[in-house]
N, C-alpha and C. Protein backbone atom coordinates (compact mmCIF):
# COMPACT_ATOMS: atom_id res chain seq x y z
N UNK A 1 9.78 70.90 26.00
CA UNK A 1 9.89 70.04 24.83
C UNK A 1 11.30 69.49 24.72
N UNK A 2 11.37 68.28 24.26
CA UNK A 2 12.66 67.65 24.00
C UNK A 2 13.26 68.28 22.75
N UNK A 3 14.51 68.69 22.85
CA UNK A 3 15.15 69.30 21.68
C UNK A 3 15.29 68.31 20.55
N UNK A 4 15.59 67.06 20.87
CA UNK A 4 15.70 66.04 19.83
C UNK A 4 14.31 65.64 19.35
N UNK A 5 13.38 65.49 20.27
CA UNK A 5 12.04 65.02 19.92
C UNK A 5 11.28 65.95 19.00
N UNK A 6 11.51 67.24 19.10
CA UNK A 6 10.74 68.18 18.27
C UNK A 6 11.37 68.43 16.90
N UNK A 7 12.56 67.87 16.64
CA UNK A 7 13.18 68.06 15.33
C UNK A 7 12.41 67.28 14.26
N UNK A 8 12.13 67.87 13.12
CA UNK A 8 11.41 67.15 12.06
C UNK A 8 12.32 66.12 11.38
N UNK A 9 11.71 65.10 10.81
CA UNK A 9 12.44 64.05 10.10
C UNK A 9 12.10 64.18 8.63
N UNK A 10 13.03 64.62 7.79
CA UNK A 10 12.74 64.69 6.36
C UNK A 10 12.71 63.29 5.75
N UNK A 11 11.73 63.06 4.88
CA UNK A 11 11.60 61.77 4.21
C UNK A 11 12.15 61.92 2.80
N UNK A 12 13.25 61.21 2.46
CA UNK A 12 13.83 61.34 1.13
C UNK A 12 12.94 60.70 0.05
N UNK A 13 13.22 61.02 -1.19
CA UNK A 13 12.46 60.46 -2.30
C UNK A 13 12.73 58.96 -2.37
N UNK A 14 11.69 58.21 -2.71
CA UNK A 14 11.81 56.76 -2.80
C UNK A 14 11.51 56.05 -1.50
N UNK A 15 11.20 56.79 -0.45
CA UNK A 15 10.88 56.19 0.85
C UNK A 15 9.40 56.41 1.13
N UNK A 16 8.69 55.32 1.46
CA UNK A 16 7.27 55.39 1.78
C UNK A 16 7.09 55.15 3.27
N UNK A 17 6.26 55.97 3.90
CA UNK A 17 5.99 55.83 5.32
C UNK A 17 4.50 55.61 5.51
N UNK A 18 4.15 54.57 6.27
CA UNK A 18 2.76 54.31 6.61
C UNK A 18 2.61 54.34 8.12
N UNK A 19 1.61 55.09 8.59
CA UNK A 19 1.38 55.24 10.02
C UNK A 19 0.00 54.67 10.32
N UNK A 20 -0.03 53.66 11.21
CA UNK A 20 -1.29 53.05 11.61
C UNK A 20 -1.32 53.03 13.13
N UNK A 21 -1.95 54.04 13.73
CA UNK A 21 -1.96 54.24 15.19
C UNK A 21 -0.53 54.30 15.72
N UNK A 22 -0.08 53.29 16.43
CA UNK A 22 1.28 53.34 16.99
C UNK A 22 2.28 52.55 16.15
N UNK A 23 1.84 51.94 15.06
CA UNK A 23 2.73 51.18 14.18
C UNK A 23 3.22 52.07 13.04
N UNK A 24 4.54 52.20 12.94
CA UNK A 24 5.15 53.00 11.88
C UNK A 24 5.91 52.04 10.97
N UNK A 25 5.56 52.03 9.68
CA UNK A 25 6.23 51.17 8.69
C UNK A 25 6.92 52.05 7.67
N UNK A 26 8.17 51.73 7.38
CA UNK A 26 8.96 52.51 6.43
C UNK A 26 9.50 51.55 5.38
N UNK A 27 9.30 51.90 4.11
CA UNK A 27 9.78 51.08 3.00
C UNK A 27 10.62 51.94 2.09
N UNK A 28 11.80 51.45 1.70
CA UNK A 28 12.68 52.21 0.84
C UNK A 28 13.45 51.31 -0.11
N UNK A 29 14.44 51.87 -0.81
CA UNK A 29 15.17 51.08 -1.80
C UNK A 29 16.00 49.94 -1.20
N UNK A 30 16.38 50.02 0.06
CA UNK A 30 17.21 48.98 0.69
C UNK A 30 16.40 47.94 1.44
N UNK A 31 15.11 48.20 1.70
CA UNK A 31 14.30 47.24 2.42
C UNK A 31 13.16 47.92 3.16
N UNK A 32 12.59 47.19 4.11
CA UNK A 32 11.45 47.71 4.87
C UNK A 32 11.66 47.43 6.35
N UNK A 33 11.23 48.36 7.18
CA UNK A 33 11.29 48.24 8.64
C UNK A 33 9.97 48.70 9.22
N UNK A 34 9.60 48.15 10.37
CA UNK A 34 8.42 48.63 11.08
C UNK A 34 8.69 48.57 12.57
N UNK A 35 8.01 49.43 13.31
CA UNK A 35 8.20 49.51 14.76
C UNK A 35 6.91 50.02 15.38
N UNK A 36 6.58 49.43 16.52
CA UNK A 36 5.44 49.88 17.30
C UNK A 36 5.94 50.82 18.38
N UNK A 37 5.45 52.05 18.37
CA UNK A 37 5.87 53.04 19.35
C UNK A 37 5.06 52.90 20.62
N UNK A 38 5.57 53.41 21.70
CA UNK A 38 4.88 53.35 23.00
C UNK A 38 3.62 54.20 22.99
N UNK A 39 2.72 53.87 23.92
CA UNK A 39 1.48 54.66 24.06
C UNK A 39 1.83 56.08 24.46
N UNK A 40 1.11 57.03 23.93
CA UNK A 40 1.36 58.44 24.25
C UNK A 40 2.31 59.11 23.28
N UNK A 41 2.92 58.35 22.38
CA UNK A 41 3.82 58.91 21.36
C UNK A 41 3.15 58.68 20.01
N UNK A 42 2.99 59.75 19.25
CA UNK A 42 2.35 59.64 17.94
C UNK A 42 3.24 60.26 16.88
N UNK A 43 3.03 59.83 15.64
CA UNK A 43 3.79 60.33 14.50
C UNK A 43 2.79 60.84 13.48
N UNK A 44 3.06 62.02 12.94
CA UNK A 44 2.22 62.55 11.85
C UNK A 44 3.13 62.98 10.71
N UNK A 45 2.56 62.94 9.50
CA UNK A 45 3.34 63.28 8.31
C UNK A 45 2.71 64.47 7.62
N UNK A 46 3.55 65.47 7.30
CA UNK A 46 3.12 66.65 6.55
C UNK A 46 4.20 67.01 5.56
N UNK A 47 3.85 67.08 4.28
CA UNK A 47 4.76 67.54 3.23
C UNK A 47 6.09 66.80 3.25
N UNK A 48 6.06 65.47 3.21
CA UNK A 48 7.28 64.64 3.22
C UNK A 48 8.17 64.92 4.43
N UNK A 49 7.56 65.24 5.54
CA UNK A 49 8.29 65.45 6.78
C UNK A 49 7.51 64.77 7.91
N UNK A 50 8.22 64.03 8.75
CA UNK A 50 7.60 63.36 9.89
C UNK A 50 7.81 64.18 11.15
N UNK A 51 6.78 64.22 11.99
CA UNK A 51 6.85 64.90 13.28
C UNK A 51 6.44 63.90 14.35
N UNK A 52 7.25 63.77 15.39
CA UNK A 52 6.94 62.89 16.51
C UNK A 52 6.44 63.76 17.65
N UNK A 53 5.26 63.41 18.18
CA UNK A 53 4.63 64.21 19.22
C UNK A 53 4.28 63.34 20.41
N UNK A 54 4.21 63.97 21.58
CA UNK A 54 3.84 63.23 22.78
C UNK A 54 2.48 63.72 23.27
N UNK A 55 1.81 62.84 24.02
CA UNK A 55 0.45 63.15 24.45
C UNK A 55 0.41 64.12 25.62
N UNK A 56 1.38 64.03 26.51
CA UNK A 56 1.36 64.89 27.69
C UNK A 56 2.79 65.21 28.10
N UNK A 57 2.92 65.99 29.17
CA UNK A 57 4.24 66.34 29.69
C UNK A 57 4.61 65.48 30.89
N UNK A 58 4.06 64.29 30.97
CA UNK A 58 4.44 63.39 32.07
C UNK A 58 5.89 62.94 31.88
N UNK A 59 6.48 62.51 32.95
CA UNK A 59 7.89 62.11 32.92
C UNK A 59 8.13 60.98 31.92
N UNK A 60 7.22 60.03 31.87
CA UNK A 60 7.36 58.90 30.95
C UNK A 60 7.32 59.37 29.50
N UNK A 61 6.35 60.20 29.16
CA UNK A 61 6.23 60.69 27.79
C UNK A 61 7.41 61.58 27.40
N UNK A 62 7.88 62.39 28.35
CA UNK A 62 9.04 63.23 28.05
C UNK A 62 10.29 62.39 27.78
N UNK A 63 10.46 61.32 28.55
CA UNK A 63 11.66 60.49 28.37
C UNK A 63 11.60 59.67 27.08
N UNK A 64 10.39 59.37 26.61
CA UNK A 64 10.25 58.57 25.38
C UNK A 64 10.20 59.43 24.11
N UNK A 65 10.02 60.73 24.24
CA UNK A 65 9.84 61.59 23.08
C UNK A 65 11.09 61.59 22.18
N UNK A 66 12.23 61.93 22.74
CA UNK A 66 13.46 61.98 21.95
C UNK A 66 13.88 60.61 21.44
N UNK A 67 13.70 59.57 22.27
CA UNK A 67 14.04 58.22 21.87
C UNK A 67 13.21 57.78 20.67
N UNK A 68 11.90 58.02 20.73
CA UNK A 68 11.01 57.61 19.64
C UNK A 68 11.36 58.34 18.35
N UNK A 69 11.68 59.62 18.46
CA UNK A 69 12.05 60.38 17.26
C UNK A 69 13.32 59.82 16.65
N UNK A 70 14.31 59.47 17.47
CA UNK A 70 15.56 58.91 16.97
C UNK A 70 15.34 57.55 16.33
N UNK A 71 14.49 56.73 16.91
CA UNK A 71 14.22 55.40 16.34
C UNK A 71 13.55 55.52 14.97
N UNK A 72 12.60 56.44 14.84
CA UNK A 72 11.93 56.64 13.55
C UNK A 72 12.92 57.21 12.52
N UNK A 73 13.76 58.15 12.94
CA UNK A 73 14.76 58.73 12.03
C UNK A 73 15.75 57.67 11.58
N UNK A 74 16.15 56.76 12.47
CA UNK A 74 17.06 55.68 12.09
C UNK A 74 16.41 54.71 11.11
N UNK A 75 15.10 54.50 11.23
CA UNK A 75 14.40 53.65 10.27
C UNK A 75 14.42 54.29 8.88
N UNK A 76 14.17 55.59 8.82
CA UNK A 76 14.15 56.29 7.53
C UNK A 76 15.55 56.28 6.91
N UNK A 77 16.57 56.54 7.71
CA UNK A 77 17.94 56.53 7.21
C UNK A 77 18.36 55.13 6.79
N UNK A 78 17.94 54.12 7.54
CA UNK A 78 18.33 52.74 7.25
C UNK A 78 17.80 52.24 5.92
N UNK A 79 16.52 52.51 5.61
CA UNK A 79 15.96 52.01 4.36
C UNK A 79 16.41 52.83 3.16
N UNK A 80 16.95 54.03 3.39
CA UNK A 80 17.41 54.84 2.26
C UNK A 80 18.92 54.74 2.06
N UNK A 81 19.71 54.74 3.13
CA UNK A 81 21.17 54.72 3.00
C UNK A 81 21.81 53.48 3.62
N UNK A 82 21.27 52.99 4.71
CA UNK A 82 21.84 51.85 5.41
C UNK A 82 22.86 52.30 6.45
N UNK A 83 23.28 51.35 7.28
CA UNK A 83 24.25 51.62 8.34
C UNK A 83 25.38 50.60 8.23
N UNK A 84 26.55 50.99 8.71
CA UNK A 84 27.67 50.05 8.74
C UNK A 84 28.52 50.29 9.97
N UNK A 85 29.17 49.25 10.43
CA UNK A 85 30.06 49.30 11.58
C UNK A 85 31.30 48.51 11.19
N UNK A 86 32.48 49.06 11.47
CA UNK A 86 33.72 48.44 11.05
C UNK A 86 34.56 48.06 12.25
N UNK A 87 35.06 46.83 12.23
CA UNK A 87 35.97 46.34 13.26
C UNK A 87 37.35 46.14 12.67
N UNK A 88 38.36 46.41 13.47
CA UNK A 88 39.76 46.26 13.06
C UNK A 88 40.34 45.12 13.88
N UNK A 89 40.78 44.05 13.21
CA UNK A 89 41.35 42.88 13.87
C UNK A 89 42.85 43.09 13.93
N UNK A 90 43.36 43.22 15.15
CA UNK A 90 44.74 43.65 15.35
C UNK A 90 45.50 42.56 16.11
N UNK A 91 46.45 41.90 15.46
CA UNK A 91 47.25 40.88 16.13
C UNK A 91 47.91 39.94 15.14
N UNK A 92 49.05 39.42 15.51
CA UNK A 92 49.80 38.51 14.64
C UNK A 92 49.06 37.19 14.56
N UNK A 93 48.82 36.73 13.34
CA UNK A 93 48.14 35.46 13.13
C UNK A 93 46.63 35.54 13.23
N UNK A 94 46.08 36.67 13.58
CA UNK A 94 44.62 36.80 13.65
C UNK A 94 44.10 36.94 12.22
N UNK A 95 42.97 36.30 11.95
CA UNK A 95 42.42 36.37 10.60
C UNK A 95 40.91 36.31 10.64
N UNK A 96 40.29 36.73 9.55
CA UNK A 96 38.84 36.71 9.43
C UNK A 96 38.46 36.40 8.00
N UNK A 97 37.45 35.57 7.83
CA UNK A 97 36.94 35.29 6.49
C UNK A 97 35.45 34.96 6.57
N UNK A 98 34.76 35.23 5.48
CA UNK A 98 33.32 34.99 5.41
C UNK A 98 33.10 33.71 4.63
N UNK A 99 32.35 32.78 5.22
CA UNK A 99 31.99 31.54 4.55
C UNK A 99 30.48 31.39 4.57
N UNK A 100 29.84 31.78 3.49
CA UNK A 100 28.38 31.71 3.42
C UNK A 100 27.72 32.68 4.38
N UNK A 101 26.93 32.14 5.32
CA UNK A 101 26.23 33.00 6.28
C UNK A 101 26.94 33.07 7.63
N UNK A 102 28.21 32.73 7.66
CA UNK A 102 28.95 32.78 8.92
C UNK A 102 30.31 33.44 8.74
N UNK A 103 30.80 33.95 9.84
CA UNK A 103 32.10 34.61 9.89
C UNK A 103 33.04 33.69 10.66
N UNK A 104 34.19 33.38 10.05
CA UNK A 104 35.18 32.50 10.68
C UNK A 104 36.33 33.37 11.14
N UNK A 105 36.63 33.32 12.44
CA UNK A 105 37.67 34.17 13.03
C UNK A 105 38.76 33.30 13.65
N UNK A 106 40.00 33.64 13.36
CA UNK A 106 41.14 33.07 14.05
C UNK A 106 41.65 34.11 15.02
N UNK A 107 41.40 33.89 16.32
CA UNK A 107 41.67 34.93 17.32
C UNK A 107 42.74 34.52 18.33
N UNK A 108 43.60 33.59 17.94
CA UNK A 108 44.65 33.18 18.85
C UNK A 108 44.26 32.06 19.78
N UNK A 109 43.04 31.54 19.66
CA UNK A 109 42.62 30.39 20.44
C UNK A 109 43.13 29.12 19.76
N UNK A 110 42.95 27.97 20.39
CA UNK A 110 43.36 26.71 19.78
C UNK A 110 42.39 26.27 18.69
N UNK A 111 41.30 26.98 18.52
CA UNK A 111 40.28 26.64 17.54
C UNK A 111 39.77 27.92 16.88
N UNK A 112 39.15 27.76 15.72
CA UNK A 112 38.52 28.90 15.05
C UNK A 112 37.19 29.20 15.73
N UNK A 113 36.78 30.45 15.66
CA UNK A 113 35.51 30.88 16.22
C UNK A 113 34.56 31.15 15.06
N UNK A 114 33.38 30.52 15.11
CA UNK A 114 32.38 30.69 14.07
C UNK A 114 31.25 31.56 14.60
N UNK A 115 30.88 32.57 13.84
CA UNK A 115 29.79 33.46 14.21
C UNK A 115 28.72 33.37 13.13
N UNK A 116 27.54 32.89 13.52
CA UNK A 116 26.41 32.82 12.58
C UNK A 116 25.79 34.21 12.50
N UNK A 117 25.64 34.72 11.29
CA UNK A 117 25.15 36.08 11.08
C UNK A 117 23.66 36.08 10.75
N UNK A 118 22.91 37.08 11.23
CA UNK A 118 21.51 37.21 10.83
C UNK A 118 21.41 37.46 9.32
N UNK A 119 20.28 37.07 8.73
CA UNK A 119 20.12 37.20 7.28
C UNK A 119 20.11 38.64 6.81
N UNK A 120 19.68 39.57 7.68
CA UNK A 120 19.58 40.97 7.26
C UNK A 120 20.91 41.72 7.38
N UNK A 121 21.95 41.06 7.88
CA UNK A 121 23.26 41.70 8.03
C UNK A 121 24.22 41.11 7.00
N UNK A 122 24.89 41.98 6.25
CA UNK A 122 25.94 41.52 5.33
C UNK A 122 27.29 41.89 5.93
N UNK A 123 28.27 41.04 5.68
CA UNK A 123 29.59 41.25 6.27
C UNK A 123 30.65 41.05 5.20
N UNK A 124 31.68 41.87 5.27
CA UNK A 124 32.85 41.70 4.41
C UNK A 124 34.08 41.67 5.30
N UNK A 125 35.04 40.84 4.91
CA UNK A 125 36.28 40.73 5.67
C UNK A 125 37.44 40.91 4.70
N UNK A 126 38.25 41.93 4.94
CA UNK A 126 39.42 42.22 4.11
C UNK A 126 40.65 42.02 4.99
N UNK A 127 41.40 40.96 4.74
CA UNK A 127 42.53 40.65 5.61
C UNK A 127 43.86 41.08 5.01
N UNK A 128 43.83 41.93 4.00
CA UNK A 128 45.08 42.32 3.36
C UNK A 128 45.52 43.74 3.70
N UNK A 129 44.91 44.32 4.72
CA UNK A 129 45.24 45.71 5.02
C UNK A 129 46.35 45.78 6.07
N UNK A 130 47.35 46.64 5.87
CA UNK A 130 48.39 46.79 6.90
C UNK A 130 47.85 47.56 8.09
N UNK A 131 48.44 47.33 9.27
CA UNK A 131 47.97 48.06 10.44
C UNK A 131 48.57 49.45 10.46
N UNK A 132 48.32 50.18 11.52
CA UNK A 132 48.67 51.59 11.58
C UNK A 132 50.18 51.83 11.46
N UNK A 133 51.00 50.99 12.08
CA UNK A 133 52.44 51.24 12.02
C UNK A 133 53.17 50.27 11.10
N UNK A 134 52.42 49.53 10.24
CA UNK A 134 52.97 48.65 9.21
C UNK A 134 53.89 47.56 9.75
N UNK A 135 53.70 47.08 10.97
CA UNK A 135 54.55 46.02 11.49
C UNK A 135 54.04 44.64 11.10
N UNK A 136 52.74 44.46 10.97
CA UNK A 136 52.18 43.20 10.51
C UNK A 136 50.81 43.45 9.92
N UNK A 137 50.27 42.45 9.22
CA UNK A 137 49.01 42.59 8.52
C UNK A 137 47.84 42.32 9.46
N UNK A 138 46.76 43.02 9.23
CA UNK A 138 45.57 42.85 10.05
C UNK A 138 44.35 42.71 9.15
N UNK A 139 43.18 42.61 9.74
CA UNK A 139 41.95 42.45 8.97
C UNK A 139 40.95 43.55 9.33
N UNK A 140 40.16 43.92 8.34
CA UNK A 140 39.07 44.87 8.53
C UNK A 140 37.77 44.11 8.29
N UNK A 141 36.86 44.14 9.26
CA UNK A 141 35.57 43.45 9.15
C UNK A 141 34.49 44.53 9.16
N UNK A 142 33.64 44.54 8.12
CA UNK A 142 32.59 45.55 8.01
C UNK A 142 31.22 44.88 8.03
N UNK A 143 30.38 45.29 8.97
CA UNK A 143 29.01 44.82 9.06
C UNK A 143 28.11 45.91 8.51
N UNK A 144 27.13 45.54 7.68
CA UNK A 144 26.22 46.55 7.15
C UNK A 144 24.81 45.97 7.07
N UNK A 145 23.83 46.88 7.17
CA UNK A 145 22.43 46.49 7.12
C UNK A 145 21.55 47.72 7.26
N UNK A 146 20.23 47.49 7.30
CA UNK A 146 19.31 48.62 7.38
C UNK A 146 18.87 48.91 8.81
N UNK A 147 19.03 47.95 9.71
CA UNK A 147 18.62 48.13 11.10
C UNK A 147 19.84 48.50 11.94
N UNK A 148 19.89 49.74 12.41
CA UNK A 148 21.05 50.25 13.14
C UNK A 148 21.29 49.47 14.43
N UNK A 149 20.22 49.11 15.13
CA UNK A 149 20.37 48.37 16.37
C UNK A 149 21.01 47.00 16.13
N UNK A 150 20.55 46.30 15.11
CA UNK A 150 21.05 44.96 14.82
C UNK A 150 22.50 45.00 14.35
N UNK A 151 22.84 45.98 13.52
CA UNK A 151 24.23 46.12 13.06
C UNK A 151 25.15 46.36 14.24
N UNK A 152 24.78 47.26 15.13
CA UNK A 152 25.59 47.55 16.30
C UNK A 152 25.68 46.37 17.25
N UNK A 153 24.58 45.64 17.41
CA UNK A 153 24.57 44.49 18.32
C UNK A 153 25.46 43.37 17.80
N UNK A 154 25.41 43.08 16.51
CA UNK A 154 26.26 42.03 15.94
C UNK A 154 27.72 42.42 16.04
N UNK A 155 28.05 43.68 15.73
CA UNK A 155 29.43 44.14 15.84
C UNK A 155 29.92 44.06 17.28
N UNK A 156 29.08 44.41 18.24
CA UNK A 156 29.47 44.35 19.65
C UNK A 156 29.68 42.91 20.12
N UNK A 157 28.86 41.98 19.65
CA UNK A 157 29.03 40.58 20.03
C UNK A 157 30.33 40.01 19.46
N UNK A 158 30.65 40.38 18.23
CA UNK A 158 31.90 39.90 17.63
C UNK A 158 33.09 40.53 18.35
N UNK A 159 33.00 41.81 18.68
CA UNK A 159 34.10 42.48 19.39
C UNK A 159 34.32 41.85 20.76
N UNK A 160 33.25 41.40 21.41
CA UNK A 160 33.36 40.81 22.74
C UNK A 160 34.10 39.47 22.73
N UNK A 161 34.26 38.85 21.56
CA UNK A 161 34.99 37.59 21.48
C UNK A 161 36.47 37.75 21.85
N UNK A 162 37.06 38.88 21.50
CA UNK A 162 38.46 39.16 21.84
C UNK A 162 38.63 40.67 21.92
N UNK A 163 38.32 41.24 23.10
CA UNK A 163 38.47 42.68 23.29
C UNK A 163 39.95 43.05 23.24
N UNK A 164 40.28 44.28 22.87
CA UNK A 164 41.68 44.67 22.83
C UNK A 164 42.30 44.66 24.22
N UNK A 165 43.45 44.02 24.34
CA UNK A 165 44.11 43.99 25.65
C UNK A 165 45.06 45.18 25.78
N UNK A 166 45.32 45.63 27.00
CA UNK A 166 46.01 46.91 27.19
C UNK A 166 47.53 46.88 27.02
N UNK A 167 48.16 45.70 26.96
CA UNK A 167 49.62 45.66 26.91
C UNK A 167 50.16 45.71 25.49
N UNK A 168 49.64 44.87 24.60
CA UNK A 168 50.09 44.90 23.21
C UNK A 168 49.04 45.48 22.27
N UNK A 169 47.83 45.63 22.76
CA UNK A 169 46.76 46.20 21.94
C UNK A 169 46.13 45.19 21.00
N UNK A 170 46.39 43.90 21.18
CA UNK A 170 45.85 42.88 20.30
C UNK A 170 44.38 42.65 20.59
N UNK A 171 43.62 42.34 19.55
CA UNK A 171 42.21 42.04 19.70
C UNK A 171 41.37 42.75 18.66
N UNK A 172 40.06 42.69 18.85
CA UNK A 172 39.12 43.35 17.95
C UNK A 172 38.75 44.71 18.52
N UNK A 173 38.82 45.73 17.68
CA UNK A 173 38.43 47.07 18.11
C UNK A 173 37.67 47.74 16.99
N UNK A 174 36.86 48.72 17.36
CA UNK A 174 36.16 49.50 16.35
C UNK A 174 37.18 50.33 15.59
N UNK A 175 36.94 50.55 14.31
CA UNK A 175 37.85 51.36 13.52
C UNK A 175 37.88 52.78 14.08
N UNK A 176 39.04 53.26 14.43
CA UNK A 176 39.19 54.58 15.02
C UNK A 176 39.18 54.56 16.53
N UNK A 177 38.92 53.42 17.16
CA UNK A 177 38.91 53.32 18.62
C UNK A 177 40.33 53.40 19.15
N UNK A 178 40.53 54.15 20.20
CA UNK A 178 41.84 54.28 20.83
C UNK A 178 41.91 53.34 22.02
N UNK A 179 42.95 52.52 22.05
CA UNK A 179 43.15 51.60 23.16
C UNK A 179 44.24 52.18 24.05
N UNK A 180 43.91 52.41 25.31
CA UNK A 180 44.89 52.96 26.24
C UNK A 180 45.84 51.84 26.63
N UNK A 181 47.11 52.06 26.40
CA UNK A 181 48.12 51.02 26.61
C UNK A 181 48.76 51.18 27.97
N UNK A 182 49.12 50.03 28.59
CA UNK A 182 49.82 50.02 29.86
C UNK A 182 51.30 49.75 29.59
N UNK A 183 52.13 50.11 30.56
CA UNK A 183 53.58 50.02 30.37
C UNK A 183 54.11 48.60 30.45
N UNK A 184 53.55 47.75 31.27
CA UNK A 184 54.10 46.41 31.45
C UNK A 184 55.17 46.40 32.52
N UNK A 185 55.89 45.30 32.62
CA UNK A 185 56.91 45.19 33.66
C UNK A 185 58.13 46.04 33.30
N UNK A 186 58.71 46.69 34.30
CA UNK A 186 59.87 47.55 34.08
C UNK A 186 61.17 46.77 34.23
N UNK A 187 61.14 45.62 34.86
CA UNK A 187 62.36 44.84 35.07
C UNK A 187 63.04 45.27 36.37
N UNK A 188 64.05 44.50 36.76
CA UNK A 188 64.78 44.82 37.99
C UNK A 188 65.86 45.83 37.70
N UNK A 189 65.96 46.81 38.53
CA UNK A 189 66.99 47.85 38.34
C UNK A 189 68.09 47.66 39.37
N UNK A 190 69.32 48.02 39.05
CA UNK A 190 70.42 48.00 40.00
C UNK A 190 71.24 46.73 40.00
N UNK A 191 70.99 45.78 39.14
CA UNK A 191 71.81 44.55 39.10
C UNK A 191 72.78 44.56 37.98
């Protein structure tokens, strides 16, 4: 048995779960999500607890057991609490602001970068926060929503616009991410 797959999923109050063959629908205070699970994976509910089970011990079913349980657990957590991902914009002159349904980023290019956001993702940009060593101001961008995959995907696409470079550390990074720095040129010695 998969250690993750056999763990029960507690359903908090205010969350409704409907199971129709392989379709699992979850509705809560923050919204509703649904997902069709693969064949051979089933979900049953007992006493406000969900259990994910597999049909056989075949390699395919074993590999999907833990994944399916995690996806269902993320749906339950998403509609009850939600998920968020935070990016730290690090660099002189870099800025971020939200204009309607799009994010406007100044990333050191000759033009601003516009990112159209999905309707289910909300974003906040706070550009008044000092950076770690207080040398210049940076921005904090927070993405939040009920779908963990979509929140992570949007944050990753925005981060890919200007990844942190290893010499000065400028760019977009996840909050708490450590960027390994390189030394740079040492200069000529002996002159």
